[in-house]
Structures are given as structure tokens and as C-alpha cells.
Amino acid sequence: MRNSLLPIAMTLLVALVAVLLIRPGDILGAKGPEIFSGIFRLPKDAKRMVPSLALQAENRITAELGVGLAAGIEPDSWRTVVVAAADATEVTRAVVLALAERLTERGCMVIIDVDGKQPLPIGCDRMLRVSRVAGDPPEAPGACAFTVRFEQSAPRFPAGHPAADLAGALGTSDQSLVVAHSSAPA
């Protein structure tokens, strides 16, 4: 019984084309971290954690408090938090990932929304929306400066949703913080 060489030759040709299609120098995360919608989980293996770079940083925070904010009655329920990215810039994705990591380390369950649309607030205690106001990440390693807005809102359905009228008044108040960050490698 004699085997044909054509299937073997075609298999080798397909393998060669697949290898040639791999782009050289493609670094994962070179244009900001890749984040996906869903429940955020920290890596279980410590080798997968990326160490932070030592930075000399300065942050200026401007609070734009919302209507109805009364000191002392803000609820402390941070069990489940939706962190939504308002845009798809590198700065916003990096801040959303860092915020999700810090909240998860402190015992929160974080649900990330990267679509930029209003997420449905089913089962969350508060919603945080992150957006870049000014500044871009540097093209080369070095100093960077950018401004980011954090908006906290109570979980509510979008206007026009059938269940929008059923949601009662929750204790979480609408707040907005603008953080101007500048840093340089130490």
C-alpha cells in the first residue's frame, strides 16, 4: 500500500504559512493592558503578577461632589462594585485594571465593563465609571502626565428600562473625582 505525498506536502505548506503569519515583535499589552468585561479575578500564581515600577508620583485630586451628598451617611457597602471604562484609551484601561486589582485585594468582588455603555446594575452595591480627561501615555519610557475622572453612582437601571421605576432610593450618592497624575521613573 502506497501513501500519497500530496496530503503531507499540503500539511507542511499550511504549517509554514501559519508560522509566517506570526508577527515578529508583537508584545502583549504594548498599547495598554488588555481588559475584558466580566468578573475580575487576581491571578492565583504569583509568577503571573506584574511587579510595579518604582515611581516618583504626584497626584492632585479635585472633588466634584454630587447633589444630595451628606457627610456621615454614605453606606460602606463595597462588596460588589462595577468598574466601567467610559472610553477605550490606554490610560483608562490601565486605571480600570489598577482599580480592580486594589478593590479585589481589599475584599470586593469587581465586575469590569469595557463596553462604555451603561451596565445593568444587577447585584452591585455601587458603580464606578473611569474616563480619561487629558494626557496620553508616553511613547517611550519616561515621565508621563494625565488626568482621569472617577464617577461614582448608585446602581440604577438606565432611563427607559422597564424596571427603572422599581429601584428605590439607595444610600450611595453620586460623586465625581478628577485626579491629575504626573510621574517619572525613580
N, C-alpha and C. Protein backbone atom coordinates (compact mmCIF):
# COMPACT_ATOMS: atom_id res chain seq x y z
N MET A 1 0.86 -1.16 0.00
CA MET A 1 0.00 0.00 0.00
C MET A 1 0.91 1.23 0.00
N ARG A 2 0.62 2.14 -0.88
CA ARG A 2 1.46 3.31 -1.03
C ARG A 2 0.68 4.55 -0.60
N ASN A 3 1.31 5.40 0.26
CA ASN A 3 0.69 6.65 0.71
C ASN A 3 1.00 7.76 -0.28
N SER A 4 0.07 8.66 -0.40
CA SER A 4 0.26 9.80 -1.29
C SER A 4 1.07 10.88 -0.58
N LEU A 5 1.93 11.55 -1.30
CA LEU A 5 2.74 12.63 -0.74
C LEU A 5 1.98 13.97 -0.71
N LEU A 6 0.89 14.07 -1.44
CA LEU A 6 0.15 15.33 -1.52
C LEU A 6 -0.40 15.77 -0.16
N PRO A 7 -1.04 14.91 0.64
CA PRO A 7 -1.52 15.38 1.96
C PRO A 7 -0.39 15.82 2.88
N ILE A 8 0.74 15.12 2.83
CA ILE A 8 1.87 15.51 3.67
C ILE A 8 2.43 16.85 3.23
N ALA A 9 2.54 17.06 1.92
CA ALA A 9 3.06 18.33 1.40
C ALA A 9 2.11 19.48 1.74
N MET A 10 0.82 19.28 1.65
CA MET A 10 -0.15 20.33 1.98
C MET A 10 -0.11 20.66 3.48
N THR A 11 0.07 19.65 4.33
CA THR A 11 0.18 19.89 5.77
C THR A 11 1.40 20.73 6.08
N LEU A 12 2.52 20.41 5.45
CA LEU A 12 3.73 21.21 5.65
C LEU A 12 3.56 22.63 5.14
N LEU A 13 2.87 22.80 4.03
CA LEU A 13 2.63 24.13 3.48
C LEU A 13 1.76 24.96 4.41
N VAL A 14 0.71 24.38 4.95
CA VAL A 14 -0.17 25.09 5.89
C VAL A 14 0.60 25.46 7.15
N ALA A 15 1.43 24.56 7.66
CA ALA A 15 2.23 24.86 8.85
C ALA A 15 3.21 26.00 8.58
N LEU A 16 3.82 26.02 7.40
CA LEU A 16 4.76 27.09 7.05
C LEU A 16 4.04 28.43 6.95
N VAL A 17 2.87 28.45 6.34
CA VAL A 17 2.10 29.70 6.23
C VAL A 17 1.68 30.18 7.62
N ALA A 18 1.29 29.27 8.50
CA ALA A 18 0.89 29.66 9.86
C ALA A 18 2.06 30.28 10.61
N VAL A 19 3.25 29.73 10.45
CA VAL A 19 4.44 30.28 11.11
C VAL A 19 4.77 31.66 10.53
N LEU A 20 4.62 31.83 9.24
CA LEU A 20 4.92 33.12 8.61
C LEU A 20 3.92 34.21 8.98
N LEU A 21 2.72 33.83 9.37
CA LEU A 21 1.70 34.81 9.76
C LEU A 21 1.91 35.36 11.17
N ILE A 22 2.77 34.76 11.96
CA ILE A 22 3.06 35.27 13.30
C ILE A 22 3.86 36.55 13.16
N ARG A 23 3.34 37.64 13.73
CA ARG A 23 4.01 38.93 13.60
C ARG A 23 5.18 39.01 14.58
N PRO A 24 6.36 39.35 14.09
CA PRO A 24 7.50 39.47 15.00
C PRO A 24 7.40 40.74 15.84
N GLY A 25 7.90 40.65 17.05
CA GLY A 25 7.94 41.83 17.91
C GLY A 25 6.59 42.25 18.46
N ASP A 26 5.58 41.41 18.35
CA ASP A 26 4.27 41.74 18.87
C ASP A 26 4.28 41.51 20.37
N ILE A 27 4.26 42.57 21.15
CA ILE A 27 4.32 42.45 22.60
C ILE A 27 2.91 42.64 23.15
N LEU A 28 2.45 41.66 23.91
CA LEU A 28 1.13 41.73 24.52
C LEU A 28 1.06 42.89 25.49
N GLY A 29 0.10 43.75 25.35
CA GLY A 29 -0.07 44.86 26.27
C GLY A 29 0.78 46.07 25.96
N ALA A 30 1.41 46.12 24.78
CA ALA A 30 2.26 47.27 24.45
C ALA A 30 1.43 48.54 24.33
N LYS A 31 0.19 48.44 23.93
CA LYS A 31 -0.70 49.59 23.82
C LYS A 31 -1.68 49.62 24.99
N GLY A 32 -1.19 49.41 26.18
CA GLY A 32 -2.04 49.40 27.37
C GLY A 32 -2.47 47.98 27.69
N PRO A 33 -2.95 47.75 28.91
CA PRO A 33 -3.35 46.40 29.29
C PRO A 33 -4.61 45.96 28.56
N GLU A 34 -4.73 44.67 28.36
CA GLU A 34 -5.93 44.12 27.76
C GLU A 34 -6.87 43.72 28.89
N ILE A 35 -8.03 44.34 28.93
CA ILE A 35 -9.03 44.00 29.94
C ILE A 35 -10.29 43.55 29.24
N PHE A 36 -11.06 42.72 29.91
CA PHE A 36 -12.26 42.15 29.33
C PHE A 36 -13.41 42.32 30.30
N SER A 37 -14.63 42.40 29.76
CA SER A 37 -15.81 42.52 30.60
C SER A 37 -16.03 41.22 31.37
N GLY A 38 -16.46 41.36 32.61
CA GLY A 38 -16.75 40.19 33.43
C GLY A 38 -16.21 40.36 34.83
N ILE A 39 -16.29 39.30 35.61
CA ILE A 39 -15.82 39.33 36.99
C ILE A 39 -14.29 39.28 36.98
N PHE A 40 -13.66 40.22 37.69
CA PHE A 40 -12.20 40.30 37.74
C PHE A 40 -11.68 39.35 38.80
N ARG A 41 -10.66 38.59 38.45
CA ARG A 41 -10.01 37.69 39.40
C ARG A 41 -8.51 37.94 39.35
N LEU A 42 -7.88 38.01 40.51
CA LEU A 42 -6.43 38.12 40.56
C LEU A 42 -5.82 36.78 40.17
N PRO A 43 -4.66 36.78 39.51
CA PRO A 43 -4.01 35.51 39.17
C PRO A 43 -3.66 34.73 40.45
N LYS A 44 -3.86 33.43 40.42
CA LYS A 44 -3.54 32.60 41.58
C LYS A 44 -2.04 32.36 41.69
N ASP A 45 -1.36 32.34 40.56
CA ASP A 45 0.08 32.10 40.53
C ASP A 45 0.81 33.43 40.67
N ALA A 46 1.66 33.54 41.67
CA ALA A 46 2.38 34.80 41.91
C ALA A 46 3.31 35.16 40.76
N LYS A 47 3.71 34.18 39.96
CA LYS A 47 4.59 34.46 38.83
C LYS A 47 3.87 35.27 37.75
N ARG A 48 2.56 35.23 37.73
CA ARG A 48 1.80 35.96 36.71
C ARG A 48 1.52 37.41 37.10
N MET A 49 1.81 37.76 38.33
CA MET A 49 1.62 39.15 38.77
C MET A 49 2.76 40.00 38.23
N VAL A 50 2.44 41.17 37.74
CA VAL A 50 3.44 42.08 37.20
C VAL A 50 3.88 43.03 38.31
N PRO A 51 5.18 43.07 38.62
CA PRO A 51 5.62 43.98 39.69
C PRO A 51 5.49 45.43 39.25
N SER A 52 5.19 46.29 40.20
CA SER A 52 5.04 47.71 39.90
C SER A 52 6.41 48.37 39.83
N LEU A 53 6.51 49.34 38.95
CA LEU A 53 7.73 50.11 38.80
C LEU A 53 7.77 51.19 39.88
N ALA A 54 8.94 51.39 40.48
CA ALA A 54 9.08 52.45 41.48
C ALA A 54 8.99 53.81 40.78
N LEU A 55 8.03 54.63 41.19
CA LEU A 55 7.79 55.92 40.55
C LEU A 55 7.85 57.04 41.56
N GLN A 56 8.29 58.19 41.10
CA GLN A 56 8.11 59.42 41.87
C GLN A 56 6.84 60.05 41.31
N ALA A 57 5.77 59.98 42.07
CA ALA A 57 4.47 60.39 41.54
C ALA A 57 3.88 61.53 42.36
N GLU A 58 3.06 62.31 41.69
CA GLU A 58 2.32 63.38 42.34
C GLU A 58 0.89 63.33 41.82
N ASN A 59 -0.07 63.33 42.74
CA ASN A 59 -1.49 63.31 42.38
C ASN A 59 -2.18 64.52 42.97
N ARG A 60 -2.96 65.21 42.16
CA ARG A 60 -3.80 66.31 42.63
C ARG A 60 -5.25 65.89 42.43
N ILE A 61 -6.02 65.89 43.51
CA ILE A 61 -7.39 65.40 43.46
C ILE A 61 -8.34 66.57 43.63
N THR A 62 -9.27 66.70 42.69
CA THR A 62 -10.31 67.71 42.76
C THR A 62 -11.64 66.99 42.92
N ALA A 63 -12.35 67.28 43.99
CA ALA A 63 -13.63 66.63 44.24
C ALA A 63 -14.75 67.48 43.67
N GLU A 64 -15.56 66.85 42.86
CA GLU A 64 -16.76 67.48 42.34
C GLU A 64 -17.93 66.71 42.93
N LEU A 65 -18.36 67.10 44.11
CA LEU A 65 -19.37 66.33 44.83
C LEU A 65 -20.73 66.49 44.18
N GLY A 66 -21.49 65.42 44.20
CA GLY A 66 -22.78 65.43 43.57
C GLY A 66 -23.87 65.98 44.46
N VAL A 67 -25.06 66.01 43.92
CA VAL A 67 -26.22 66.52 44.63
C VAL A 67 -26.64 65.52 45.70
N GLY A 68 -27.02 66.01 46.85
CA GLY A 68 -27.55 65.15 47.90
C GLY A 68 -26.49 64.48 48.74
N LEU A 69 -25.25 64.92 48.67
CA LEU A 69 -24.20 64.30 49.47
C LEU A 69 -24.26 64.85 50.89
N ALA A 70 -24.43 63.96 51.84
CA ALA A 70 -24.43 64.36 53.25
C ALA A 70 -23.34 63.57 53.96
N ALA A 71 -22.44 64.28 54.60
CA ALA A 71 -21.31 63.62 55.26
C ALA A 71 -21.80 62.70 56.37
N GLY A 72 -21.22 61.53 56.45
CA GLY A 72 -21.52 60.61 57.54
C GLY A 72 -22.58 59.58 57.24
N ILE A 73 -23.35 59.73 56.17
CA ILE A 73 -24.39 58.73 55.90
C ILE A 73 -24.10 57.93 54.64
N GLU A 74 -22.89 58.07 54.11
CA GLU A 74 -22.51 57.26 52.95
C GLU A 74 -22.39 55.80 53.39
N PRO A 75 -23.10 54.88 52.75
CA PRO A 75 -23.00 53.48 53.17
C PRO A 75 -21.63 52.92 52.85
N ASP A 76 -21.23 51.95 53.64
CA ASP A 76 -19.90 51.37 53.43
C ASP A 76 -19.98 50.03 52.72
N SER A 77 -21.00 49.82 51.92
CA SER A 77 -21.12 48.55 51.22
C SER A 77 -20.31 48.60 49.93
N TRP A 78 -19.19 47.91 49.95
CA TRP A 78 -18.30 47.82 48.81
C TRP A 78 -18.12 46.35 48.44
N ARG A 79 -19.13 45.51 48.72
CA ARG A 79 -18.99 44.08 48.44
C ARG A 79 -18.85 43.81 46.95
N THR A 80 -19.75 44.37 46.16
CA THR A 80 -19.75 44.16 44.71
C THR A 80 -19.74 45.52 44.03
N VAL A 81 -18.73 45.75 43.20
CA VAL A 81 -18.55 47.04 42.55
C VAL A 81 -18.40 46.82 41.05
N VAL A 82 -19.15 47.59 40.26
CA VAL A 82 -18.97 47.60 38.81
C VAL A 82 -18.00 48.72 38.48
N VAL A 83 -16.90 48.40 37.79
CA VAL A 83 -15.94 49.40 37.33
C VAL A 83 -16.07 49.45 35.82
N ALA A 84 -16.56 50.58 35.31
CA ALA A 84 -16.82 50.72 33.88
C ALA A 84 -15.82 51.67 33.25
N ALA A 85 -15.30 51.30 32.09
CA ALA A 85 -14.41 52.16 31.32
C ALA A 85 -15.26 52.98 30.36
N ALA A 86 -15.19 54.31 30.48
CA ALA A 86 -16.01 55.17 29.63
C ALA A 86 -15.43 55.30 28.22
N ASP A 87 -14.14 55.04 28.05
CA ASP A 87 -13.52 55.07 26.73
C ASP A 87 -12.50 53.94 26.64
N ALA A 88 -11.91 53.76 25.48
CA ALA A 88 -11.00 52.63 25.27
C ALA A 88 -9.54 53.05 25.18
N THR A 89 -9.18 54.17 25.78
CA THR A 89 -7.79 54.62 25.71
C THR A 89 -6.91 53.78 26.63
N GLU A 90 -5.59 53.83 26.38
CA GLU A 90 -4.65 53.05 27.17
C GLU A 90 -4.66 53.47 28.63
N VAL A 91 -4.76 54.78 28.86
CA VAL A 91 -4.77 55.30 30.23
C VAL A 91 -5.98 54.78 30.99
N THR A 92 -7.14 54.83 30.38
CA THR A 92 -8.36 54.37 31.04
C THR A 92 -8.28 52.88 31.35
N ARG A 93 -7.81 52.08 30.41
CA ARG A 93 -7.70 50.64 30.66
C ARG A 93 -6.72 50.35 31.79
N ALA A 94 -5.61 51.08 31.85
CA ALA A 94 -4.63 50.87 32.92
C ALA A 94 -5.22 51.24 34.28
N VAL A 95 -5.97 52.34 34.33
CA VAL A 95 -6.56 52.77 35.60
C VAL A 95 -7.66 51.80 36.03
N VAL A 96 -8.48 51.33 35.10
CA VAL A 96 -9.53 50.36 35.43
C VAL A 96 -8.90 49.08 35.99
N LEU A 97 -7.84 48.60 35.36
CA LEU A 97 -7.17 47.39 35.85
C LEU A 97 -6.58 47.61 37.23
N ALA A 98 -5.91 48.74 37.45
CA ALA A 98 -5.31 49.02 38.76
C ALA A 98 -6.38 49.15 39.84
N LEU A 99 -7.49 49.82 39.52
CA LEU A 99 -8.59 49.97 40.47
C LEU A 99 -9.21 48.61 40.80
N ALA A 100 -9.39 47.77 39.79
CA ALA A 100 -9.94 46.43 40.02
C ALA A 100 -9.01 45.60 40.90
N GLU A 101 -7.70 45.71 40.67
CA GLU A 101 -6.75 44.97 41.50
C GLU A 101 -6.81 45.41 42.95
N ARG A 102 -6.83 46.72 43.19
CA ARG A 102 -6.83 47.24 44.57
C ARG A 102 -8.14 46.89 45.28
N LEU A 103 -9.27 47.02 44.60
CA LEU A 103 -10.54 46.69 45.24
C LEU A 103 -10.62 45.19 45.55
N THR A 104 -10.12 44.35 44.65
CA THR A 104 -10.15 42.91 44.87
C THR A 104 -9.25 42.52 46.04
N GLU A 105 -8.08 43.17 46.15
CA GLU A 105 -7.19 42.89 47.28
C GLU A 105 -7.84 43.24 48.61
N ARG A 106 -8.77 44.18 48.61
CA ARG A 106 -9.43 44.62 49.84
C ARG A 106 -10.75 43.90 50.08
N GLY A 107 -11.03 42.85 49.31
CA GLY A 107 -12.18 42.01 49.58
C GLY A 107 -13.42 42.28 48.75
N CYS A 108 -13.35 43.16 47.79
CA CYS A 108 -14.51 43.43 46.92
C CYS A 108 -14.57 42.42 45.79
N MET A 109 -15.76 42.21 45.28
CA MET A 109 -15.90 41.49 44.03
C MET A 109 -16.11 42.55 42.95
N VAL A 110 -15.22 42.58 41.97
CA VAL A 110 -15.25 43.63 40.95
C VAL A 110 -15.74 43.04 39.64
N ILE A 111 -16.70 43.74 39.04
CA ILE A 111 -17.19 43.39 37.71
C ILE A 111 -16.73 44.50 36.78
N ILE A 112 -15.94 44.15 35.77
CA ILE A 112 -15.42 45.14 34.82
C ILE A 112 -16.34 45.22 33.62
N ASP A 113 -16.62 46.44 33.18
CA ASP A 113 -17.40 46.69 31.97
C ASP A 113 -16.55 47.54 31.04
N VAL A 114 -16.16 47.00 29.90
CA VAL A 114 -15.31 47.75 28.97
C VAL A 114 -16.07 48.26 27.75
N ASP A 115 -17.35 48.02 27.68
CA ASP A 115 -18.12 48.41 26.50
C ASP A 115 -18.38 49.90 26.42
N GLY A 116 -18.29 50.60 27.55
CA GLY A 116 -18.58 52.02 27.54
C GLY A 116 -20.05 52.34 27.62
N LYS A 117 -20.90 51.32 27.55
CA LYS A 117 -22.33 51.54 27.68
C LYS A 117 -22.71 51.49 29.16
N GLN A 118 -23.93 51.85 29.45
CA GLN A 118 -24.42 51.78 30.82
C GLN A 118 -24.63 50.31 31.19
N PRO A 119 -23.83 49.76 32.14
CA PRO A 119 -24.03 48.36 32.51
C PRO A 119 -25.27 48.20 33.38
N LEU A 120 -25.90 47.05 33.29
CA LEU A 120 -27.04 46.78 34.16
C LEU A 120 -26.52 46.54 35.57
N PRO A 121 -27.06 47.23 36.57
CA PRO A 121 -26.51 47.16 37.92
C PRO A 121 -27.07 46.02 38.75
N ILE A 122 -27.30 44.90 38.15
CA ILE A 122 -27.90 43.79 38.89
C ILE A 122 -26.88 43.23 39.88
N GLY A 123 -27.22 43.30 41.15
CA GLY A 123 -26.39 42.70 42.18
C GLY A 123 -25.17 43.48 42.60
N CYS A 124 -25.07 44.76 42.28
CA CYS A 124 -23.89 45.51 42.72
C CYS A 124 -24.29 46.56 43.76
N ASP A 125 -23.30 46.98 44.55
CA ASP A 125 -23.53 47.98 45.58
C ASP A 125 -23.29 49.40 45.09
N ARG A 126 -22.36 49.56 44.16
CA ARG A 126 -22.07 50.88 43.60
C ARG A 126 -21.40 50.69 42.25
N MET A 127 -21.43 51.76 41.45
CA MET A 127 -20.82 51.73 40.12
C MET A 127 -19.79 52.85 40.03
N LEU A 128 -18.62 52.52 39.51
CA LEU A 128 -17.55 53.49 39.29
C LEU A 128 -17.26 53.55 37.80
N ARG A 129 -17.31 54.75 37.22
CA ARG A 129 -17.01 54.94 35.80
C ARG A 129 -15.71 55.73 35.70
N VAL A 130 -14.77 55.23 34.90
CA VAL A 130 -13.45 55.84 34.74
C VAL A 130 -13.34 56.39 33.33
N SER A 131 -12.89 57.64 33.19
CA SER A 131 -12.68 58.22 31.86
C SER A 131 -11.44 59.11 31.87
N ARG A 132 -10.74 59.13 30.75
CA ARG A 132 -9.55 59.98 30.62
C ARG A 132 -10.02 61.37 30.21
N VAL A 133 -9.51 62.38 30.94
CA VAL A 133 -9.86 63.77 30.64
C VAL A 133 -8.80 64.39 29.75
N ALA A 134 -7.52 64.18 30.09
CA ALA A 134 -6.42 64.77 29.32
C ALA A 134 -5.18 63.91 29.48
N GLY A 135 -4.27 64.04 28.53
CA GLY A 135 -2.99 63.35 28.60
C GLY A 135 -3.01 62.01 27.89
N ASP A 136 -1.86 61.63 27.41
CA ASP A 136 -1.67 60.35 26.73
C ASP A 136 -0.49 59.63 27.35
N PRO A 137 -0.44 58.31 27.22
CA PRO A 137 0.73 57.60 27.74
C PRO A 137 1.96 57.95 26.91
N PRO A 138 3.13 57.92 27.51
CA PRO A 138 4.34 58.25 26.76
C PRO A 138 4.67 57.17 25.73
N GLU A 139 5.29 57.58 24.64
CA GLU A 139 5.68 56.63 23.60
C GLU A 139 6.91 55.82 24.02
N ALA A 140 7.76 56.41 24.85
CA ALA A 140 8.98 55.74 25.33
C ALA A 140 8.99 55.82 26.85
N PRO A 141 9.75 54.95 27.51
CA PRO A 141 9.83 55.02 28.97
C PRO A 141 10.29 56.40 29.43
N GLY A 142 9.60 56.92 30.41
CA GLY A 142 9.94 58.24 30.93
C GLY A 142 8.77 58.82 31.69
N ALA A 143 8.80 60.12 31.84
CA ALA A 143 7.76 60.81 32.60
C ALA A 143 6.43 60.79 31.84
N CYS A 144 5.34 60.77 32.59
CA CYS A 144 4.02 60.85 31.98
C CYS A 144 3.10 61.68 32.87
N ALA A 145 2.11 62.26 32.25
CA ALA A 145 1.12 63.06 32.98
C ALA A 145 -0.23 62.88 32.30
N PHE A 146 -1.27 62.67 33.10
CA PHE A 146 -2.61 62.55 32.56
C PHE A 146 -3.62 62.89 33.65
N THR A 147 -4.84 63.13 33.23
CA THR A 147 -5.94 63.46 34.14
C THR A 147 -7.07 62.47 33.91
N VAL A 148 -7.59 61.91 34.99
CA VAL A 148 -8.64 60.89 34.92
C VAL A 148 -9.80 61.30 35.81
N ARG A 149 -11.03 61.05 35.34
CA ARG A 149 -12.24 61.33 36.13
C ARG A 149 -12.83 60.01 36.61
N PHE A 150 -13.15 59.97 37.91
CA PHE A 150 -13.84 58.84 38.53
C PHE A 150 -15.23 59.31 38.91
N GLU A 151 -16.26 58.63 38.42
CA GLU A 151 -17.64 58.98 38.76
C GLU A 151 -18.26 57.80 39.50
N GLN A 152 -18.75 58.07 40.70
CA GLN A 152 -19.45 57.04 41.48
C GLN A 152 -20.94 57.31 41.38
N SER A 153 -21.69 56.26 41.14
CA SER A 153 -23.14 56.42 41.09
C SER A 153 -23.79 55.22 41.76
N ALA A 154 -25.00 55.45 42.19
CA ALA A 154 -25.78 54.36 42.79
C ALA A 154 -26.20 53.41 41.68
N PRO A 155 -26.36 52.13 42.01
CA PRO A 155 -26.82 51.20 40.98
C PRO A 155 -28.25 51.53 40.59
N ARG A 156 -28.43 51.82 39.33
CA ARG A 156 -29.78 52.11 38.83
C ARG A 156 -29.87 51.66 37.38
N PHE A 157 -31.07 51.39 36.97
CA PHE A 157 -31.29 50.99 35.58
C PHE A 157 -31.28 52.23 34.69
N PRO A 158 -30.91 52.06 33.41
CA PRO A 158 -30.93 53.21 32.50
C PRO A 158 -32.35 53.74 32.33
N ALA A 159 -32.45 55.02 31.97
CA ALA A 159 -33.76 55.63 31.73
C ALA A 159 -34.46 54.87 30.61
N GLY A 160 -35.73 54.60 30.80
CA GLY A 160 -36.49 53.87 29.81
C GLY A 160 -36.53 52.37 30.04
N HIS A 161 -35.74 51.86 30.97
CA HIS A 161 -35.75 50.43 31.28
C HIS A 161 -37.04 50.12 32.03
N PRO A 162 -37.68 48.97 31.77
CA PRO A 162 -38.94 48.65 32.44
C PRO A 162 -38.85 48.63 33.97
N ALA A 163 -37.69 48.32 34.53
CA ALA A 163 -37.55 48.25 35.98
C ALA A 163 -36.99 49.52 36.59
N ALA A 164 -36.83 50.58 35.80
CA ALA A 164 -36.22 51.82 36.31
C ALA A 164 -37.04 52.43 37.44
N ASP A 165 -38.36 52.36 37.35
CA ASP A 165 -39.21 52.96 38.38
C ASP A 165 -39.27 52.12 39.66
N LEU A 166 -38.88 50.87 39.59
CA LEU A 166 -38.95 50.00 40.75
C LEU A 166 -37.77 50.17 41.69
N ALA A 167 -36.67 50.73 41.19
CA ALA A 167 -35.48 50.90 42.03
C ALA A 167 -35.72 52.02 43.03
N GLY A 168 -35.54 51.70 44.29
CA GLY A 168 -35.74 52.70 45.33
C GLY A 168 -34.53 53.59 45.48
N ALA A 169 -34.63 54.54 46.38
CA ALA A 169 -33.51 55.45 46.65
C ALA A 169 -32.48 54.71 47.50
N LEU A 170 -31.28 54.60 46.97
CA LEU A 170 -30.21 53.92 47.69
C LEU A 170 -29.33 54.95 48.37
N GLY A 171 -28.55 54.50 49.35
CA GLY A 171 -27.73 55.42 50.12
C GLY A 171 -26.49 55.91 49.40
N THR A 172 -26.07 55.25 48.33
CA THR A 172 -24.86 55.66 47.63
C THR A 172 -25.14 56.94 46.85
N SER A 173 -24.34 57.95 47.10
CA SER A 173 -24.56 59.23 46.42
C SER A 173 -23.68 59.33 45.18
N ASP A 174 -24.13 60.15 44.25
CA ASP A 174 -23.35 60.39 43.04
C ASP A 174 -22.22 61.35 43.37
N GLN A 175 -21.01 60.95 43.02
CA GLN A 175 -19.83 61.77 43.27
C GLN A 175 -18.92 61.72 42.06
N SER A 176 -18.06 62.72 41.95
CA SER A 176 -17.10 62.76 40.87
C SER A 176 -15.77 63.28 41.39
N LEU A 177 -14.69 62.57 41.08
CA LEU A 177 -13.34 62.98 41.45
C LEU A 177 -12.51 63.11 40.18
N VAL A 178 -11.72 64.15 40.09
CA VAL A 178 -10.79 64.32 38.98
C VAL A 178 -9.39 64.23 39.57
N VAL A 179 -8.59 63.29 39.06
CA VAL A 179 -7.24 63.08 39.55
C VAL A 179 -6.25 63.46 38.45
N ALA A 180 -5.39 64.43 38.75
CA ALA A 180 -4.31 64.81 37.84
C ALA A 180 -3.05 64.12 38.32
N HIS A 181 -2.51 63.23 37.51
CA HIS A 181 -1.36 62.40 37.89
C HIS A 181 -0.15 62.77 37.04
N SER A 182 0.99 62.88 37.68
CA SER A 182 2.25 63.03 36.95
C SER A 182 3.29 62.16 37.64
N SER A 183 4.07 61.44 36.86
CA SER A 183 5.06 60.54 37.44
C SER A 183 6.27 60.43 36.54
N ALA A 184 7.36 59.97 37.14
CA ALA A 184 8.61 59.71 36.43
C ALA A 184 9.28 58.53 37.10
N PRO A 185 10.01 57.71 36.35
CA PRO A 185 10.72 56.59 36.98
C PRO A 185 11.69 57.08 38.05
N ALA A 186 11.75 56.35 39.16
CA ALA A 186 12.63 56.75 40.26
C ALA A 186 14.08 56.44 39.96
